[in-house]
Structures are given as structure tokens and as C-alpha cells.
Amino acid sequence: MIVRHDFQKIREWMLGSANISAPLITIRDPTVVETLLNASPDMLIVDLEHSVIDTADLQSMVMAAGNVPLLARIRGLEKNEIKRVLDTGAAGIIVPGIESAEDAAKSVQWARFYPEGSRGVGPGRASGFGYSFAQYSKQSPLVFVQIETPQALRDVERISEVKGLDGLFIGPVDLSTSLGIEFSWNNHDFVSAVDTIRGAARNRGLVVAIYSPLNEALLAEVRRRNFNFVMLGMDREAILQTYTRFIKK
């Protein structure tokens, strides 16, 4: 049975929440999703950007997630990539590599059907293989863009004004690297950049989210700032940390 999420309810839930925990999945096996469900996550994120996961793997993961909302961080800003990922039934996408408001507008346009956008119509799983298209097409999957470059930071106010955009996702590691500064919550320049993005999102009533490694001190700093959701570590990181701790004992 295909689980159909109410995307508008997910939007409202995110906007009204702080520190939603969303583990990041990078291993191409749906049993990872099933295993994580035992930890009762609020939401899940599957990473296609930094992994070998493809859309067939993603669809199996969406199916395994059941009633738990699942977002996909896609490989990049590409029209067919967005269409294929959303056709799996994912609740939404995070688009990396955004540089401008024009890029953000394309992200939204390619995720929406006519007349709001130009997403191609096909009998994918999300629409019940075509049988529920009329119902599915009335909803709009969530679209987040990732702010992680100096260009995107400079244009963040215009990006936040893009119609139909649901939120801004901060990639702190790439952001700090591209700015030539230390990824540290004690670094004034880093905190200032993050606050600029948070302010742009809040002023426009958008969701604002961020990534945090599985580090208690870093995660405490993130949670203290009450982002709407936190992309939490990654599955490989959790495996390595846990086994390293026990192997070394």
C-alpha cells in the first residue's frame, strides 16, 4: 500500500517545530531505514549527493519509511533528477549547489506541475502509478535549497523571496570551507554567516535547517539555536563511532 503524506501538514509541522531530528542515510539498503525506525526518528533524509544511492534505491527506502516523512538530498540542480526523485514518493527535496535566486526558482519550478511549474507528468509511484495523479498533482512536495557558497550567502535575501520555496538548508561544512573560515560555533564569522541565513528564512516565514555531525558539543550548539530541523550525522558515521568505541576497549 502506498503511503500518501499530506505535504501541507508536513510544512506546518516543520514551521511550528524546533530541532526535528532527521538522520542522514548514505548506505544504499532499505534495511538501514527499517533499522533506524526503531529509534523513532521524526523524519529521515536520504543523501544522493554524497553517496552511490540511485533513484531505485531511494524508492525502496521511501517504501520502507512508511509513515515517516522522507526527504531526498539530490545530486544537484537538474530537471530530470528532480522529476525522478519526486516520482518515488519522497516528501520533498534538498537541492545542493544553489548559487542564486534564479537557481532556487528553477528548483521550485521543476518540482511543480503546470501551471505552477514544468515538472513532467509520468506514472510514477508517487501518483499511484498514474491512477491517483489528479489527487497527487494538487499537492506540492517540499523544496529546500542548500546555502553553502559565498555566492548563495550574498544572494540569500533574494533566494528567500522565491515563491513556492519551503526553506533554507545550511551546509555548515561546505559553507565554512568556501568562505575560508573555521567550522566552529566559537568563530564569529561562521556564526554571523549562519545568522544571516537564519534571519532571511525567518523574515520570510520559511523553514530553516542545518546539518550537524554526531558530536555532542556541536549538536548542543545547534539545538540551542532552535533550527526547525537538523540533518543528524550519517549512518556510516554512527557505525564507525560506535564500533571504534567498543573495539578500542
Foldseek 3Di string as FASTA:
>chain_A
DDAADQLVVVLVLLLPAFAQEEEEEADLDLVVLVVCVVVVGQAYEYEQQPHVHDLVSLLSNNVSNHPHAYEYAWNAQDLVRLLSNVLSQHLYYEHEDDQALVSLLSQQQSQAPPPSHPPDDALGVNCVRVPNVVVSNVHGRAYEYEDQAPRCLVRLLSNLVRPPHAAYEYELVSNCVRVVHDSDPVDPVSVVSLVSNVVSQVVSSHQYEYEDAPDVVRVVVRSVVGHSYYHYHYPVSVVVVVVVVVVVD
